[in-house]
Amino acid sequence: MLPCTWHQDRNTPLSCSRCGRPACPECLTPASVGFHCRECVAQGRAATTAPRTVAGARLGQRPVVTIALIVVNLAFFLVTAVQSRSAMDLSNSELYLRGGLIPAEVASGEYWRLVTAGFLHGSLIHLATNMLSLYWLGIPLERILGRSRMLVIYLLGLLGSSVSVLLFSLPVSLTIGASGAVYALMGALVATFRRLRLDLRPLIVVLALNVFITLTYPGLSWQGHLGGFVVGAIVGAAMVFPPRATRRLWQWGVCAGVIVVLAGLTVYANLEIGSWYCIYPPGGQVGCIPAH
């Protein structure tokens, strides 16, 4: 008998069937053939590749990004509700007015509106409908794509929605809400369902219903919804369709390309909009006039 490799005070007749080192029963683990020592078990676990989804994400990750985005939207809502002293009409909030997407103000240099507008809402009902949609669409998408890819699609979809508003809306219009980013998730889900060969009919029904509501009810921004969906579908397809060998190159290359295109479209839209001067009277509507 020889001393155990890890317990020198213990003599043992046993040894690892993989490396042959003497080991006591406490240091051995049953394997498919014989027993493996603790070091061989650790090496085997380290060499095991965690299962991945079609997008390259690890299976079993908790969807924390979706919840975090909902919390951020709730935080913006609480600030605007406190400022306006109302949960149903937030138009008097300073954050609402200074963060909402007004193309004329973006053309004047207030580029933060392209992002902040996607986290602002006009009422509690507006917030609730968007957050429910975000939860229902975001959780399954994040499980498939992973946290970082899900966040990238959401933010690029939000930006694509805002750029579409710059291109196709009136310069003095005000657009807010997360629905453009939510439509991006819907576009990414369509691409993902197609890649996984899942039944697209339920998702198409939901999409058709949302398009009908967008075009029927006044005040909803079809421009933002269109831009978000297109960007989400493009980036979502880049996340799930490329082969494994070149997957990361395609994923982040397409994302970089989308950013460049959106930046170019923003410059073009700003040149078309021109310079405006906007005023924000207390308790009144935003007023904008051409600066020339």
Protein backbone atom coordinates (compact mmCIF):
# COMPACT_ATOMS: atom_id res chain seq x y z
CA MET A 1 0.00 0.00 0.00
CA LEU A 2 1.11 3.53 -0.76
CA PRO A 3 0.24 6.87 0.86
CA CYS A 4 -2.67 8.76 -0.69
CA THR A 5 -1.43 11.53 -2.97
CA TRP A 6 -3.56 14.12 -1.12
CA HIS A 7 -3.58 12.57 2.37
CA GLN A 8 -0.04 11.45 3.14
CA ASP A 9 -1.08 10.06 6.52
CA ARG A 10 -3.40 7.52 4.86
CA ASN A 11 -2.14 4.35 3.18
CA THR A 12 -4.36 3.00 0.41
CA PRO A 13 -4.35 0.04 -2.00
CA LEU A 14 -6.44 2.07 -4.48
CA SER A 15 -5.29 4.25 -7.36
CA CYS A 16 -6.76 6.43 -10.11
CA SER A 17 -7.64 4.38 -13.18
CA ARG A 18 -6.72 7.35 -15.37
CA CYS A 19 -3.40 8.64 -14.06
CA GLY A 20 -2.41 5.80 -11.70
CA ARG A 21 -1.74 7.97 -8.65
CA PRO A 22 -2.57 6.34 -5.31
CA ALA A 23 -5.70 7.80 -3.72
CA CYS A 24 -7.87 7.02 -0.72
CA PRO A 25 -11.62 6.38 -1.13
CA GLU A 26 -12.36 10.00 -0.18
CA CYS A 27 -10.30 11.26 -3.12
CA LEU A 28 -11.81 8.96 -5.76
CA THR A 29 -14.94 9.44 -7.85
CA PRO A 30 -16.70 6.64 -9.77
CA ALA A 31 -16.21 6.96 -13.53
CA SER A 32 -17.48 5.06 -16.56
CA VAL A 33 -14.37 2.90 -16.25
CA GLY A 34 -12.94 2.52 -12.74
CA PHE A 35 -12.36 5.48 -10.42
CA HIS A 36 -10.83 8.90 -11.11
CA CYS A 37 -8.89 10.99 -8.60
CA ARG A 38 -9.96 14.53 -7.69
CA GLU A 39 -7.41 16.17 -10.02
CA CYS A 40 -8.47 14.11 -13.04
CA VAL A 41 -12.13 14.89 -12.27
CA ALA A 42 -11.31 18.64 -12.13
CA GLN A 43 -9.42 18.45 -15.43
CA GLY A 44 -12.32 16.63 -17.06
CA ARG A 45 -14.81 19.24 -15.91
CA ALA A 46 -12.61 22.07 -17.17
CA ALA A 47 -12.29 20.41 -20.57
CA THR A 48 -16.03 19.91 -20.93
CA THR A 49 -17.58 22.50 -23.26
CA ALA A 50 -20.78 24.02 -21.94
CA PRO A 51 -23.72 23.48 -24.31
CA ARG A 52 -24.52 26.50 -26.48
CA THR A 53 -27.57 27.80 -28.26
CA VAL A 54 -27.78 28.51 -31.97
CA ALA A 55 -26.53 32.05 -31.25
CA GLY A 56 -23.59 30.90 -29.14
CA ALA A 57 -25.08 31.68 -25.73
CA ARG A 58 -24.70 29.33 -22.79
CA LEU A 59 -27.77 27.30 -22.00
CA GLY A 60 -29.47 27.93 -18.69
CA GLN A 61 -28.53 31.59 -18.19
CA ARG A 62 -31.01 33.59 -16.15
CA PRO A 63 -32.62 36.38 -18.23
CA VAL A 64 -31.45 39.35 -16.17
CA VAL A 65 -31.14 41.90 -19.01
CA THR A 66 -34.88 41.92 -19.70
CA ILE A 67 -35.64 42.55 -16.03
CA ALA A 68 -32.95 45.26 -15.85
CA LEU A 69 -34.45 47.07 -18.87
CA ILE A 70 -37.88 46.99 -17.25
CA VAL A 71 -36.39 48.46 -14.06
CA VAL A 72 -34.70 51.27 -16.03
CA ASN A 73 -37.99 52.12 -17.76
CA LEU A 74 -39.76 52.13 -14.38
CA ALA A 75 -37.12 54.47 -12.97
CA PHE A 76 -37.62 56.94 -15.83
CA PHE A 77 -41.38 56.73 -15.29
CA LEU A 78 -41.10 57.45 -11.57
CA VAL A 79 -39.00 60.56 -12.24
CA THR A 80 -41.45 61.92 -14.82
CA ALA A 81 -44.45 61.06 -12.63
CA VAL A 82 -42.97 62.94 -9.67
CA GLN A 83 -42.08 65.93 -11.84
CA SER A 84 -45.56 66.11 -13.41
CA ARG A 85 -47.38 65.06 -10.21
CA SER A 86 -49.43 62.60 -12.22
CA ALA A 87 -49.24 58.99 -13.36
CA MET A 88 -51.59 59.44 -16.32
CA ASP A 89 -50.32 62.66 -17.93
CA LEU A 90 -46.56 63.15 -17.88
CA SER A 91 -46.37 65.89 -20.50
CA ASN A 92 -45.51 68.54 -17.89
CA SER A 93 -42.38 66.68 -16.77
CA GLU A 94 -39.05 68.37 -17.48
CA LEU A 95 -37.47 65.00 -18.31
CA TYR A 96 -40.35 64.24 -20.67
CA LEU A 97 -39.84 67.49 -22.58
CA ARG A 98 -36.03 67.46 -22.56
CA GLY A 99 -35.73 63.75 -23.31
CA GLY A 100 -38.52 63.14 -25.83
CA LEU A 101 -37.62 62.67 -29.48
CA ILE A 102 -38.18 65.94 -31.33
CA PRO A 103 -36.41 65.76 -34.73
CA ALA A 104 -35.89 69.51 -34.84
CA GLU A 105 -34.02 69.40 -31.52
CA VAL A 106 -31.91 66.42 -32.61
CA ALA A 107 -30.93 68.34 -35.73
CA SER A 108 -29.89 71.19 -33.42
CA GLY A 109 -27.44 68.90 -31.59
CA GLU A 110 -29.48 67.24 -28.83
CA TYR A 111 -28.53 63.71 -29.87
CA TRP A 112 -29.27 62.18 -26.49
CA ARG A 113 -32.94 62.31 -27.40
CA LEU A 114 -32.36 59.41 -29.81
CA VAL A 115 -31.86 57.17 -26.75
CA THR A 116 -33.71 58.80 -23.85
CA ALA A 117 -36.98 58.92 -25.79
CA GLY A 118 -37.06 55.12 -25.78
CA PHE A 119 -37.22 55.04 -21.97
CA LEU A 120 -39.98 57.64 -21.56
CA HIS A 121 -43.74 57.04 -21.54
CA GLY A 122 -46.79 59.25 -21.60
CA SER A 123 -48.87 57.48 -18.96
CA LEU A 124 -49.03 54.48 -16.68
CA ILE A 125 -51.07 52.57 -19.29
CA HIS A 126 -48.49 53.34 -21.97
CA LEU A 127 -45.73 52.06 -19.70
CA ALA A 128 -47.64 48.92 -18.66
CA THR A 129 -48.39 47.79 -22.22
CA ASN A 130 -44.80 48.25 -23.34
CA MET A 131 -43.30 46.56 -20.28
CA LEU A 132 -45.61 43.56 -20.59
CA SER A 133 -44.60 43.23 -24.24
CA LEU A 134 -40.93 43.58 -23.29
CA TYR A 135 -41.29 40.82 -20.70
CA TRP A 136 -43.15 38.42 -22.99
CA LEU A 137 -40.77 38.89 -25.91
CA GLY A 138 -37.53 39.57 -24.07
CA ILE A 139 -37.41 36.55 -21.75
CA PRO A 140 -37.48 33.85 -24.47
CA LEU A 141 -35.24 35.86 -26.78
CA GLU A 142 -32.63 36.40 -24.06
CA ARG A 143 -32.60 32.68 -23.25
CA ILE A 144 -31.78 31.92 -26.90
CA LEU A 145 -29.42 34.78 -27.74
CA GLY A 146 -27.81 35.41 -24.37
CA ARG A 147 -27.55 38.58 -22.33
CA SER A 148 -25.14 40.68 -24.40
CA ARG A 149 -26.79 39.89 -27.74
CA MET A 150 -30.25 40.59 -26.35
CA LEU A 151 -29.09 43.97 -25.01
CA VAL A 152 -27.43 44.88 -28.31
CA ILE A 153 -30.60 44.10 -30.27
CA TYR A 154 -32.71 46.16 -27.86
CA LEU A 155 -30.42 49.21 -27.99
CA LEU A 156 -29.82 49.06 -31.74
CA GLY A 157 -33.56 48.59 -32.28
CA LEU A 158 -34.23 51.63 -30.10
CA LEU A 159 -31.71 53.66 -32.10
CA GLY A 160 -33.11 52.40 -35.40
CA SER A 161 -36.60 53.38 -34.27
CA SER A 162 -35.42 56.90 -33.44
CA VAL A 163 -33.58 57.32 -36.76
CA SER A 164 -36.70 56.21 -38.62
CA VAL A 165 -38.66 58.91 -36.80
CA LEU A 166 -36.06 61.47 -37.90
CA LEU A 167 -36.46 60.36 -41.50
CA PHE A 168 -40.23 60.07 -41.78
CA SER A 169 -41.85 62.21 -39.06
CA LEU A 170 -42.54 65.95 -38.92
CA PRO A 171 -39.63 67.98 -37.51
CA VAL A 172 -41.75 69.33 -34.64
CA SER A 173 -43.37 66.03 -33.64
CA LEU A 174 -42.63 64.49 -30.23
CA THR A 175 -42.19 60.72 -29.98
CA ILE A 176 -41.62 58.65 -26.84
CA GLY A 177 -41.92 55.05 -25.71
CA ALA A 178 -40.14 51.69 -25.76
CA SER A 179 -42.36 50.25 -28.48
CA GLY A 180 -39.73 50.73 -31.19
CA ALA A 181 -37.25 48.61 -29.21
CA VAL A 182 -40.03 46.08 -28.48
CA TYR A 183 -40.68 45.80 -32.22
CA ALA A 184 -36.96 45.12 -32.64
CA LEU A 185 -37.31 42.14 -30.30
CA MET A 186 -40.26 40.98 -32.38
CA GLY A 187 -38.18 41.21 -35.56
CA ALA A 188 -35.35 39.27 -33.92
CA LEU A 189 -37.81 36.60 -32.76
CA VAL A 190 -39.13 36.19 -36.31
CA ALA A 191 -35.57 35.56 -37.52
CA THR A 192 -34.90 33.19 -34.61
CA PHE A 193 -38.11 31.21 -35.16
CA ARG A 194 -37.20 30.90 -38.83
CA ARG A 195 -33.71 29.64 -38.00
CA LEU A 196 -35.03 27.09 -35.50
CA ARG A 197 -37.80 26.05 -37.91
CA LEU A 198 -40.49 26.80 -35.36
CA ASP A 199 -44.10 27.55 -36.26
CA LEU A 200 -44.16 31.22 -37.26
CA ARG A 201 -47.94 31.52 -37.43
CA PRO A 202 -48.55 32.57 -33.78
CA LEU A 203 -45.82 35.21 -34.02
CA ILE A 204 -47.14 36.47 -37.36
CA VAL A 205 -50.62 36.83 -35.84
CA VAL A 206 -49.20 38.88 -32.96
CA LEU A 207 -47.21 41.02 -35.40
CA ALA A 208 -50.21 41.58 -37.67
CA LEU A 209 -52.35 42.59 -34.69
CA ASN A 210 -49.73 45.09 -33.55
CA VAL A 211 -49.41 46.54 -37.05
CA PHE A 212 -53.20 46.91 -37.23
CA ILE A 213 -53.27 48.73 -33.88
CA THR A 214 -50.37 50.97 -34.95
CA LEU A 215 -52.10 52.02 -38.16
CA THR A 216 -55.57 52.33 -36.64
CA TYR A 217 -55.09 54.26 -33.43
CA PRO A 218 -53.92 57.89 -33.72
CA GLY A 219 -50.78 58.97 -31.92
CA LEU A 220 -48.85 55.74 -32.41
CA SER A 221 -45.57 56.08 -34.29
CA TRP A 222 -45.55 53.69 -37.25
CA GLN A 223 -42.23 55.28 -38.19
CA GLY A 224 -40.61 54.16 -34.93
CA HIS A 225 -42.19 50.71 -35.08
CA LEU A 226 -40.99 50.20 -38.65
CA GLY A 227 -37.42 51.24 -37.91
CA GLY A 228 -37.22 49.09 -34.80
CA PHE A 229 -38.59 46.00 -36.52
CA VAL A 230 -36.26 46.27 -39.53
CA VAL A 231 -33.14 46.72 -37.40
CA GLY A 232 -34.21 43.94 -35.02
CA ALA A 233 -34.82 41.52 -37.90
CA ILE A 234 -31.44 42.29 -39.52
CA VAL A 235 -29.41 42.02 -36.33
CA GLY A 236 -31.42 39.04 -35.10
CA ALA A 237 -30.74 37.17 -38.34
CA ALA A 238 -27.03 37.93 -37.96
CA MET A 239 -27.13 36.42 -34.48
CA VAL A 240 -28.64 33.05 -35.42
CA PHE A 241 -27.97 32.24 -39.09
CA PRO A 242 -24.14 32.33 -39.49
CA PRO A 243 -22.22 29.04 -39.13
CA ARG A 244 -20.42 28.38 -35.87
CA ALA A 245 -16.93 28.94 -37.30
CA THR A 246 -17.63 32.54 -38.33
CA ARG A 247 -20.53 33.27 -36.01
CA ARG A 248 -18.93 35.95 -33.84
CA LEU A 249 -17.43 37.72 -36.87
CA TRP A 250 -20.85 37.96 -38.52
CA GLN A 251 -22.66 38.93 -35.33
CA TRP A 252 -20.50 41.84 -34.31
CA GLY A 253 -19.61 42.82 -37.87
CA VAL A 254 -23.28 43.29 -38.76
CA CYS A 255 -23.83 45.24 -35.53
CA ALA A 256 -20.97 47.58 -36.41
CA GLY A 257 -22.34 47.97 -39.93
CA VAL A 258 -25.80 48.84 -38.61
CA ILE A 259 -24.32 51.50 -36.34
CA VAL A 260 -22.45 53.06 -39.27
CA VAL A 261 -25.59 53.07 -41.45
CA LEU A 262 -27.72 54.59 -38.68
CA ALA A 263 -25.11 57.27 -38.07
CA GLY A 264 -25.08 58.13 -41.76
CA LEU A 265 -28.88 58.28 -41.90
CA THR A 266 -28.90 60.54 -38.85
CA VAL A 267 -26.53 62.99 -40.55
CA TYR A 268 -28.67 62.91 -43.70
CA ALA A 269 -31.90 63.45 -41.75
CA ASN A 270 -30.41 66.36 -39.82
CA LEU A 271 -29.37 68.07 -43.04
CA GLU A 272 -32.90 67.65 -44.40
CA ILE A 273 -34.51 68.95 -41.21
CA GLY A 274 -32.28 72.02 -40.91
CA SER A 275 -32.03 74.37 -37.94
CA TRP A 276 -35.01 75.11 -35.68
CA TYR A 277 -35.63 77.10 -32.53
CA CYS A 278 -37.85 75.49 -29.90
CA ILE A 279 -39.42 76.95 -26.75
CA TYR A 280 -40.97 75.14 -23.79
CA PRO A 281 -43.65 77.31 -22.17
CA PRO A 282 -44.66 76.20 -18.64
CA GLY A 283 -47.61 73.81 -18.88
CA GLY A 284 -47.89 74.30 -22.62
CA GLN A 285 -47.02 72.53 -25.83
CA VAL A 286 -43.53 72.66 -27.29
CA GLY A 287 -43.27 75.29 -30.00
CA CYS A 288 -40.65 75.18 -32.78
CA ILE A 289 -39.96 77.58 -35.63
CA PRO A 290 -37.27 77.48 -38.35
CA ALA A 291 -34.11 79.29 -37.24
CA HIS A 292 -33.69 81.06 -40.60
